[in-house]
PDB file of N, CA and C in Angstrom:
ATOM      1  N   MET A   1      11.561   1.388  -1.132  1.00  0.00           N
ATOM      2  CA  MET A   1      11.295   1.476   0.445  1.00  0.00           C
ATOM      3  C   MET A   1      12.560   1.144   1.112  1.00  0.00           C
ATOM      4  N   ARG A   2      12.722   1.874   2.174  1.00  0.00           N
ATOM      5  CA  ARG A   2      14.300   1.346   2.616  1.00  0.00           C
ATOM      6  C   ARG A   2      13.978   1.349   4.269  1.00  0.00           C
ATOM      7  N   GLY A   3      14.024   0.140   4.929  1.00  0.00           N
ATOM      8  CA  GLY A   3      13.689   0.124   6.564  1.00  0.00           C
ATOM      9  C   GLY A   3      15.111  -0.470   7.183  1.00  0.00           C
ATOM     10  N   THR A   4      14.902   0.356   8.482  1.00  0.00           N
ATOM     11  CA  THR A   4      16.145   0.331   9.053  1.00  0.00           C
ATOM     12  C   THR A   4      15.906   0.183  10.821  1.00  0.00           C
ATOM     13  N   PRO A   5      16.450  -0.594  11.603  1.00  0.00           N
ATOM     14  CA  PRO A   5      16.276  -0.581  12.928  1.00  0.00           C
ATOM     15  C   PRO A   5      17.264   0.818  13.478  1.00  0.00           C
ATOM     16  N   VAL A   6      17.002   1.180  14.436  1.00  0.00           N
ATOM     17  CA  VAL A   6      17.829   2.203  14.806  1.00  0.00           C
ATOM     18  C   VAL A   6      18.941   1.750  15.902  1.00  0.00           C
ATOM     19  N   TRP A   7      19.923   2.241  15.704  1.00  0.00           N
ATOM     20  CA  TRP A   7      21.039   1.768  16.354  1.00  0.00           C
ATOM     21  C   TRP A   7      21.788   3.075  16.607  1.00  0.00           C
ATOM     22  N   TRP A   8      22.048   3.330  18.131  1.00  0.00           N
ATOM     23  CA  TRP A   8      22.467   4.635  18.738  1.00  0.00           C
ATOM     24  C   TRP A   8      22.078   5.857  18.077  1.00  0.00           C
ATOM     25  N   TYR A   9      20.629   5.883  17.910  1.00  0.00           N
ATOM     26  CA  TYR A   9      20.106   7.203  17.239  1.00  0.00           C
ATOM     27  C   TYR A   9      20.152   7.387  15.916  1.00  0.00           C
ATOM     28  N   THR A  10      20.277   6.435  15.391  1.00  0.00           N
ATOM     29  CA  THR A  10      20.787   6.274  13.947  1.00  0.00           C
ATOM     30  C   THR A  10      20.384   5.254  12.929  1.00  0.00           C
ATOM     31  N   TYR A  11      20.516   5.341  11.715  1.00  0.00           N
ATOM     32  CA  TYR A  11      20.467   3.920  10.739  1.00  0.00           C
ATOM     33  C   TYR A  11      21.372   2.987  11.305  1.00  0.00           C
ATOM     34  N   ALA A  12      21.143   1.598  10.817  1.00  0.00           N
ATOM     35  CA  ALA A  12      21.953   0.816  11.050  1.00  0.00           C
ATOM     36  C   ALA A  12      23.488   0.576   9.877  1.00  0.00           C
ATOM     37  N   PRO A  13      24.438   0.236  10.685  1.00  0.00           N
ATOM     38  CA  PRO A  13      25.778   0.377   9.589  1.00  0.00           C
ATOM     39  C   PRO A  13      25.468   0.032   8.330  1.00  0.00           C
ATOM     40  N   ALA A  14      24.592  -1.249   8.142  1.00  0.00           N
ATOM     41  CA  ALA A  14      24.231  -1.864   6.648  1.00  0.00           C
ATOM     42  C   ALA A  14      23.893  -0.950   5.822  1.00  0.00           C
ATOM     43  N   ILE A  15      22.870  -0.117   6.501  1.00  0.00           N
ATOM     44  CA  ILE A  15      22.141   0.862   5.610  1.00  0.00           C
ATOM     45  C   ILE A  15      23.012   2.231   5.348  1.00  0.00           C
ATOM     46  N   LYS A  16      23.830   2.410   6.470  1.00  0.00           N
ATOM     47  CA  LYS A  16      24.730   3.533   5.901  1.00  0.00           C
ATOM     48  C   LYS A  16      25.523   3.338   4.622  1.00  0.00           C
ATOM     49  N   THR A  17      26.051   1.900   4.319  1.00  0.00           N
ATOM     50  CA  THR A  17      26.715   1.656   3.393  1.00  0.00           C
ATOM     51  C   THR A  17      26.249   1.744   2.096  1.00  0.00           C
ATOM     52  N   LEU A  18      24.713   1.219   2.359  1.00  0.00           N
ATOM     53  CA  LEU A  18      23.600   1.061   1.279  1.00  0.00           C
ATOM     54  C   LEU A  18      23.510   2.818   0.662  1.00  0.00           C
ATOM     55  N   LEU A  19      23.397   3.669   1.552  1.00  0.00           N
ATOM     56  CA  LEU A  19      23.184   5.039   1.378  1.00  0.00           C
ATOM     57  C   LEU A  19      24.356   6.018   0.765  1.00  0.00           C
ATOM     58  N   ILE A  20      25.380   5.373   1.229  1.00  0.00           N
ATOM     59  CA  ILE A  20      26.550   6.009   0.607  1.00  0.00           C
ATOM     60  C   ILE A  20      26.999   5.651  -0.933  1.00  0.00           C
ATOM     61  N   GLN A  21      26.594   4.260  -1.236  1.00  0.00           N
ATOM     62  CA  GLN A  21      27.318   3.643  -2.280  1.00  0.00           C
ATOM     63  C   GLN A  21      26.061   3.421  -3.268  1.00  0.00           C
ATOM     64  N   TYR A  22      24.711   3.739  -2.574  1.00  0.00           N
ATOM     65  CA  TYR A  22      23.863   3.390  -4.007  1.00  0.00           C
ATOM     66  C   TYR A  22      23.423   4.913  -4.857  1.00  0.00           C
ATOM     67  N   ASN A  23      23.186   4.945  -6.134  1.00  0.00           N
ATOM     68  CA  ASN A  23      22.988   6.167  -6.535  1.00  0.00           C
ATOM     69  C   ASN A  23      21.248   6.381  -6.786  1.00  0.00           C
ATOM     70  N   PHE A  24      20.756   7.257  -5.974  1.00  0.00           N
ATOM     71  CA  PHE A  24      19.240   7.323  -5.851  1.00  0.00           C
ATOM     72  C   PHE A  24      18.747   8.355  -6.832  1.00  0.00           C
ATOM     73  N   THR A  25      19.616   8.792  -7.834  1.00  0.00           N
ATOM     74  CA  THR A  25      18.957   9.774  -8.802  1.00  0.00           C
ATOM     75  C   THR A  25      17.717   9.199  -9.260  1.00  0.00           C
ATOM     76  N   ASN A  26      16.656  10.047  -9.368  1.00  0.00           N
ATOM     77  CA  ASN A  26      15.430   9.894  -9.832  1.00  0.00           C
ATOM     78  C   ASN A  26      14.854   8.575  -8.998  1.00  0.00           C
ATOM     79  N   LYS A  27      14.874   8.418  -7.783  1.00  0.00           N
ATOM     80  CA  LYS A  27      14.314   7.574  -6.903  1.00  0.00           C
ATOM     81  C   LYS A  27      13.402   8.027  -6.103  1.00  0.00           C
ATOM     82  N   THR A  28      12.459   7.381  -5.462  1.00  0.00           N
ATOM     83  CA  THR A  28      11.715   8.111  -4.472  1.00  0.00           C
ATOM     84  C   THR A  28      11.962   6.860  -3.033  1.00  0.00           C
ATOM     85  N   VAL A  29      12.179   7.371  -2.112  1.00  0.00           N
ATOM     86  CA  VAL A  29      12.595   6.639  -1.057  1.00  0.00           C
ATOM     87  C   VAL A  29      11.534   6.672   0.031  1.00  0.00           C
ATOM     88  N   TYR A  30      10.749   5.776   0.862  1.00  0.00           N
ATOM     89  CA  TYR A  30       9.729   5.461   1.666  1.00  0.00           C
ATOM     90  C   TYR A  30      10.548   4.990   2.801  1.00  0.00           C
ATOM     91  N   PRO A  31      11.093   5.621   3.691  1.00  0.00           N
ATOM     92  CA  PRO A  31      11.416   4.992   4.847  1.00  0.00           C
ATOM     93  C   PRO A  31      10.760   4.353   5.987  1.00  0.00           C
ATOM     94  N   PHE A  32      11.290   3.326   6.691  1.00  0.00           N
ATOM     95  CA  PHE A  32      10.470   2.915   7.872  1.00  0.00           C
ATOM     96  C   PHE A  32      11.457   2.412   8.948  1.00  0.00           C
ATOM     97  N   ILE A  33      11.189   2.800  10.128  1.00  0.00           N
ATOM     98  CA  ILE A  33      12.163   2.995  11.109  1.00  0.00           C
ATOM     99  C   ILE A  33      11.856   2.240  12.371  1.00  0.00           C
ATOM    100  N   THR A  34      12.417   0.970  12.449  1.00  0.00           N
ATOM    101  CA  THR A  34      12.102   0.378  13.659  1.00  0.00           C
ATOM    102  C   THR A  34      12.886   0.643  15.088  1.00  0.00           C
ATOM    103  N   ASN A  35      12.248   0.746  15.977  1.00  0.00           N
ATOM    104  CA  ASN A  35      12.882   0.818  17.346  1.00  0.00           C
ATOM    105  C   ASN A  35      12.078   0.454  18.349  1.00  0.00           C
ATOM    106  N   GLY A  36      12.990   0.367  19.504  1.00  0.00           N
ATOM    107  CA  GLY A  36      12.384   0.153  21.073  1.00  0.00           C
ATOM    108  C   GLY A  36      12.402   1.427  21.970  1.00  0.00           C
ATOM    109  N   GLY A  37      12.909   2.450  21.542  1.00  0.00           N
ATOM    110  CA  GLY A  37      13.207   3.797  22.234  1.00  0.00           C
ATOM    111  C   GLY A  37      12.908   4.960  21.607  1.00  0.00           C
ATOM    112  N   TRP A  38      13.747   5.730  20.874  1.00  0.00           N
ATOM    113  CA  TRP A  38      13.811   6.925  20.372  1.00  0.00           C
ATOM    114  C   TRP A  38      14.523   7.144  19.203  1.00  0.00           C
ATOM    115  N   ILE A  39      13.760   7.501  18.378  1.00  0.00           N
ATOM    116  CA  ILE A  39      14.575   7.267  16.588  1.00  0.00           C
ATOM    117  C   ILE A  39      15.639   8.486  16.466  1.00  0.00           C
ATOM    118  N   GLN A  40      15.722   9.501  17.657  1.00  0.00           N
ATOM    119  CA  GLN A  40      16.795  10.795  17.542  1.00  0.00           C
ATOM    120  C   GLN A  40      16.588  11.202  15.960  1.00  0.00           C
ATOM    121  N   HIS A  41      17.835  11.118  15.707  1.00  0.00           N
ATOM    122  CA  HIS A  41      18.095  11.729  14.285  1.00  0.00           C
ATOM    123  C   HIS A  41      17.958  10.639  12.971  1.00  0.00           C
ATOM    124  N   THR A  42      17.433   9.579  13.086  1.00  0.00           N
ATOM    125  CA  THR A  42      17.624   8.403  12.274  1.00  0.00           C
ATOM    126  C   THR A  42      16.822   9.169  11.079  1.00  0.00           C
ATOM    127  N   GLU A  43      15.627   9.728  10.809  1.00  0.00           N
ATOM    128  CA  GLU A  43      15.009  10.181   9.866  1.00  0.00           C
ATOM    129  C   GLU A  43      15.660  11.165   9.235  1.00  0.00           C
ATOM    130  N   ARG A  44      16.203  11.975   9.691  1.00  0.00           N
ATOM    131  CA  ARG A  44      17.277  13.446   9.134  1.00  0.00           C
ATOM    132  C   ARG A  44      18.359  12.703   8.378  1.00  0.00           C
ATOM    133  N   ASP A  45      19.037  11.441   8.884  1.00  0.00           N
ATOM    134  CA  ASP A  45      20.468  10.768   8.622  1.00  0.00           C
ATOM    135  C   ASP A  45      20.146  10.071   7.279  1.00  0.00           C
ATOM    136  N   VAL A  46      18.763   9.696   7.493  1.00  0.00           N
ATOM    137  CA  VAL A  46      18.406   8.840   6.067  1.00  0.00           C
ATOM    138  C   VAL A  46      18.274  10.045   4.848  1.00  0.00           C
ATOM    139  N   LEU A  47      17.388  11.164   5.277  1.00  0.00           N
ATOM    140  CA  LEU A  47      17.261  12.060   4.179  1.00  0.00           C
ATOM    141  C   LEU A  47      18.320  12.868   3.850  1.00  0.00           C
ATOM    142  N   ASN A  48      19.430  13.028   4.678  1.00  0.00           N
ATOM    143  CA  ASN A  48      20.450  13.612   4.225  1.00  0.00           C
ATOM    144  C   ASN A  48      21.714  12.830   3.551  1.00  0.00           C
ATOM    145  N   ASN A  49      21.359  11.555   3.273  1.00  0.00           N
ATOM    146  CA  ASN A  49      22.239  10.592   2.778  1.00  0.00           C
ATOM    147  C   ASN A  49      21.961   9.719   1.445  1.00  0.00           C
ATOM    148  N   CYS A  50      20.169  10.320   1.010  1.00  0.00           N
ATOM    149  CA  CYS A  50      19.911   9.646   0.002  1.00  0.00           C
ATOM    150  C   CYS A  50      20.284  10.869  -1.234  1.00  0.00           C
ATOM    151  N   ARG A  51      21.233  10.994  -1.439  1.00  0.00           N
ATOM    152  CA  ARG A  51      21.554  12.111  -2.458  1.00  0.00           C
ATOM    153  C   ARG A  51      20.599  11.604  -3.745  1.00  0.00           C
ATOM    154  N   ASN A  52      20.110  13.162  -4.125  1.00  0.00           N
ATOM    155  CA  ASN A  52      19.088  13.004  -5.414  1.00  0.00           C
ATOM    156  C   ASN A  52      17.938  12.379  -5.496  1.00  0.00           C
ATOM    157  N   ALA A  53      17.412  11.755  -4.481  1.00  0.00           N
ATOM    158  CA  ALA A  53      16.293  11.187  -4.218  1.00  0.00           C
ATOM    159  C   ALA A  53      15.289  12.132  -3.632  1.00  0.00           C
ATOM    160  N   VAL A  54      14.015  11.559  -3.968  1.00  0.00           N
ATOM    161  CA  VAL A  54      12.580  12.160  -3.116  1.00  0.00           C
ATOM    162  C   VAL A  54      12.692  11.395  -1.974  1.00  0.00           C
ATOM    163  N   VAL A  55      12.831  11.773  -0.751  1.00  0.00           N
ATOM    164  CA  VAL A  55      12.371  11.061   0.740  1.00  0.00           C
ATOM    165  C   VAL A  55      11.254  11.445   1.385  1.00  0.00           C
ATOM    166  N   ARG A  56      10.394  10.416   1.356  1.00  0.00           N
ATOM    167  CA  ARG A  56       8.754  10.713   1.766  1.00  0.00           C
ATOM    168  C   ARG A  56       8.992  10.852   3.403  1.00  0.00           C
ATOM    169  N   LYS A  57       8.071  10.967   3.972  1.00  0.00           N
ATOM    170  CA  LYS A  57       7.914  10.885   5.547  1.00  0.00           C
ATOM    171  C   LYS A  57       7.989   9.492   5.786  1.00  0.00           C
ATOM    172  N   ALA A  58       8.931   9.428   6.958  1.00  0.00           N
ATOM    173  CA  ALA A  58       9.087   8.091   7.316  1.00  0.00           C
ATOM    174  C   ALA A  58       7.865   7.493   8.350  1.00  0.00           C
ATOM    175  N   ILE A  59       8.004   6.132   8.538  1.00  0.00           N
ATOM    176  CA  ILE A  59       7.249   5.710   9.637  1.00  0.00           C
ATOM    177  C   ILE A  59       7.739   5.466  10.680  1.00  0.00           C
ATOM    178  N   ASN A  60       7.525   5.863  11.902  1.00  0.00           N
ATOM    179  CA  ASN A  60       8.263   5.078  13.173  1.00  0.00           C
ATOM    180  C   ASN A  60       7.605   4.128  13.866  1.00  0.00           C
ATOM    181  N   ILE A  61       8.168   2.852  13.582  1.00  0.00           N
ATOM    182  CA  ILE A  61       7.564   1.600  13.973  1.00  0.00           C
ATOM    183  C   ILE A  61       8.087   1.240  15.343  1.00  0.00           C
ATOM    184  N   LYS A  62       7.257   1.565  16.211  1.00  0.00           N
ATOM    185  CA  LYS A  62       7.989   1.539  17.742  1.00  0.00           C
ATOM    186  C   LYS A  62       7.253   0.119  18.420  1.00  0.00           C
ATOM    187  N   PHE A  63       8.305  -0.531  19.182  1.00  0.00           N
ATOM    188  CA  PHE A  63       8.167  -1.526  19.833  1.00  0.00           C
ATOM    189  C   PHE A  63       7.865  -1.397  21.383  1.00  0.00           C
ATOM    190  N   ASP A  64       7.370  -1.876  22.256  1.00  0.00           N
ATOM    191  CA  ASP A  64       7.643  -1.727  23.648  1.00  0.00           C
ATOM    192  C   ASP A  64       7.672  -3.272  23.987  1.00  0.00           C
ATOM    193  N   GLY A  65       9.049  -3.416  24.112  1.00  0.00           N
ATOM    194  CA  GLY A  65       9.559  -4.907  24.627  1.00  0.00           C
ATOM    195  C   GLY A  65       9.475  -5.632  23.122  1.00  0.00           C
ATOM    196  N   ASP A  66       8.693  -6.798  23.455  1.00  0.00           N
ATOM    197  CA  ASP A  66       8.363  -7.871  22.130  1.00  0.00           C
ATOM    198  C   ASP A  66       7.086  -7.087  21.768  1.00  0.00           C
ATOM    199  N   ARG A  67       6.271  -6.226  21.873  1.00  0.00           N
ATOM    200  CA  ARG A  67       4.810  -5.600  21.725  1.00  0.00           C
ATOM    201  C   ARG A  67       4.988  -4.551  20.560  1.00  0.00           C
ATOM    202  N   LEU A  68       4.309  -4.764  19.620  1.00  0.00           N
ATOM    203  CA  LEU A  68       4.294  -3.566  18.835  1.00  0.00           C
ATOM    204  C   LEU A  68       3.230  -2.452  19.085  1.00  0.00           C
ATOM    205  N   ALA A  69       3.922  -1.346  19.149  1.00  0.00           N
ATOM    206  CA  ALA A  69       3.600   0.022  20.231  1.00  0.00           C
ATOM    207  C   ALA A  69       2.520   0.748  18.915  1.00  0.00           C
ATOM    208  N   LEU A  70       2.888   0.535  17.619  1.00  0.00           N
ATOM    209  CA  LEU A  70       2.123   1.404  16.661  1.00  0.00           C
ATOM    210  C   LEU A  70       0.837   0.324  16.376  1.00  0.00           C
ATOM    211  N   SER A  71      -0.262   0.595  15.815  1.00  0.00           N
ATOM    212  CA  SER A  71      -1.375  -0.085  15.686  1.00  0.00           C
ATOM    213  C   SER A  71      -1.302  -0.754  14.379  1.00  0.00           C
ATOM    214  N   ASN A  72      -1.570  -1.769  14.125  1.00  0.00           N
ATOM    215  CA  ASN A  72      -1.710  -2.244  12.437  1.00  0.00           C
ATOM    216  C   ASN A  72      -2.645  -1.131  11.773  1.00  0.00           C
ATOM    217  N   LYS A  73      -3.674  -0.650  12.032  1.00  0.00           N
ATOM    218  CA  LYS A  73      -4.185   0.389  11.331  1.00  0.00           C
ATOM    219  C   LYS A  73      -3.504   1.361  10.828  1.00  0.00           C
ATOM    220  N   GLU A  74      -2.480   2.209  11.692  1.00  0.00           N
ATOM    221  CA  GLU A  74      -1.657   3.202  11.530  1.00  0.00           C
ATOM    222  C   GLU A  74      -0.688   2.666  10.505  1.00  0.00           C
ATOM    223  N   ILE A  75      -0.179   1.511  10.559  1.00  0.00           N
ATOM    224  CA  ILE A  75       0.861   0.895   9.471  1.00  0.00           C
ATOM    225  C   ILE A  75       0.047   0.833   8.059  1.00  0.00           C
ATOM    226  N   GLU A  76      -1.237   0.360   7.933  1.00  0.00           N
ATOM    227  CA  GLU A  76      -1.780   0.058   6.901  1.00  0.00           C
ATOM    228  C   GLU A  76      -2.392   1.609   6.344  1.00  0.00           C
ATOM    229  N   ASN A  77      -2.343   2.531   7.181  1.00  0.00           N
ATOM    230  CA  ASN A  77      -2.626   3.961   6.562  1.00  0.00           C
ATOM    231  C   ASN A  77      -1.554   4.404   5.732  1.00  0.00           C
ATOM    232  N   TRP A  78      -0.545   4.243   6.535  1.00  0.00           N
ATOM    233  CA  TRP A  78       1.061   4.540   6.115  1.00  0.00           C
ATOM    234  C   TRP A  78       0.874   4.020   4.580  1.00  0.00           C
ATOM    235  N   ILE A  79       0.912   2.394   4.641  1.00  0.00           N
ATOM    236  CA  ILE A  79       1.012   1.745   3.325  1.00  0.00           C
ATOM    237  C   ILE A  79       0.309   2.134   2.120  1.00  0.00           C
ATOM    238  N   ARG A  80      -1.270   2.589   2.703  1.00  0.00           N
ATOM    239  CA  ARG A  80      -2.179   3.404   1.396  1.00  0.00           C
ATOM    240  C   ARG A  80      -1.603   4.638   0.956  1.00  0.00           C
ATOM    241  N   SER A  81      -1.110   5.237   1.957  1.00  0.00           N
ATOM    242  CA  SER A  81      -0.418   6.681   1.369  1.00  0.00           C
ATOM    243  C   SER A  81       0.675   6.514   0.555  1.00  0.00           C
ATOM    244  N   LEU A  82       1.436   5.619   0.300  1.00  0.00           N
ATOM    245  CA  LEU A  82       2.357   5.180  -0.776  1.00  0.00           C
ATOM    246  C   LEU A  82       1.910   5.397  -2.047  1.00  0.00           C
ATOM    247  N   LEU A  83       0.529   4.625  -2.161  1.00  0.00           N
ATOM    248  CA  LEU A  83      -0.166   4.568  -3.390  1.00  0.00           C
ATOM    249  C   LEU A  83      -0.526   5.534  -4.175  1.00  0.00           C
TER     250      LEU A  83
END
């Protein structure tokens, strides 16, 4: 599982370093993306940079200011879908 906040419509610089340097061969990646606006191309960028991995559908964990805009139930359902 890999998580990232959105920085200028893509993943954070530390995640970029990880994605470029790590060997994802035979790994499955379950991205979760936190943001307070719009994820733009973050999910696509993760997919394009996890070479040789299976990348599952990301969850968009959106905040409205300091309030979680996604329900706990939606997050729980996503977690259950990973099993």
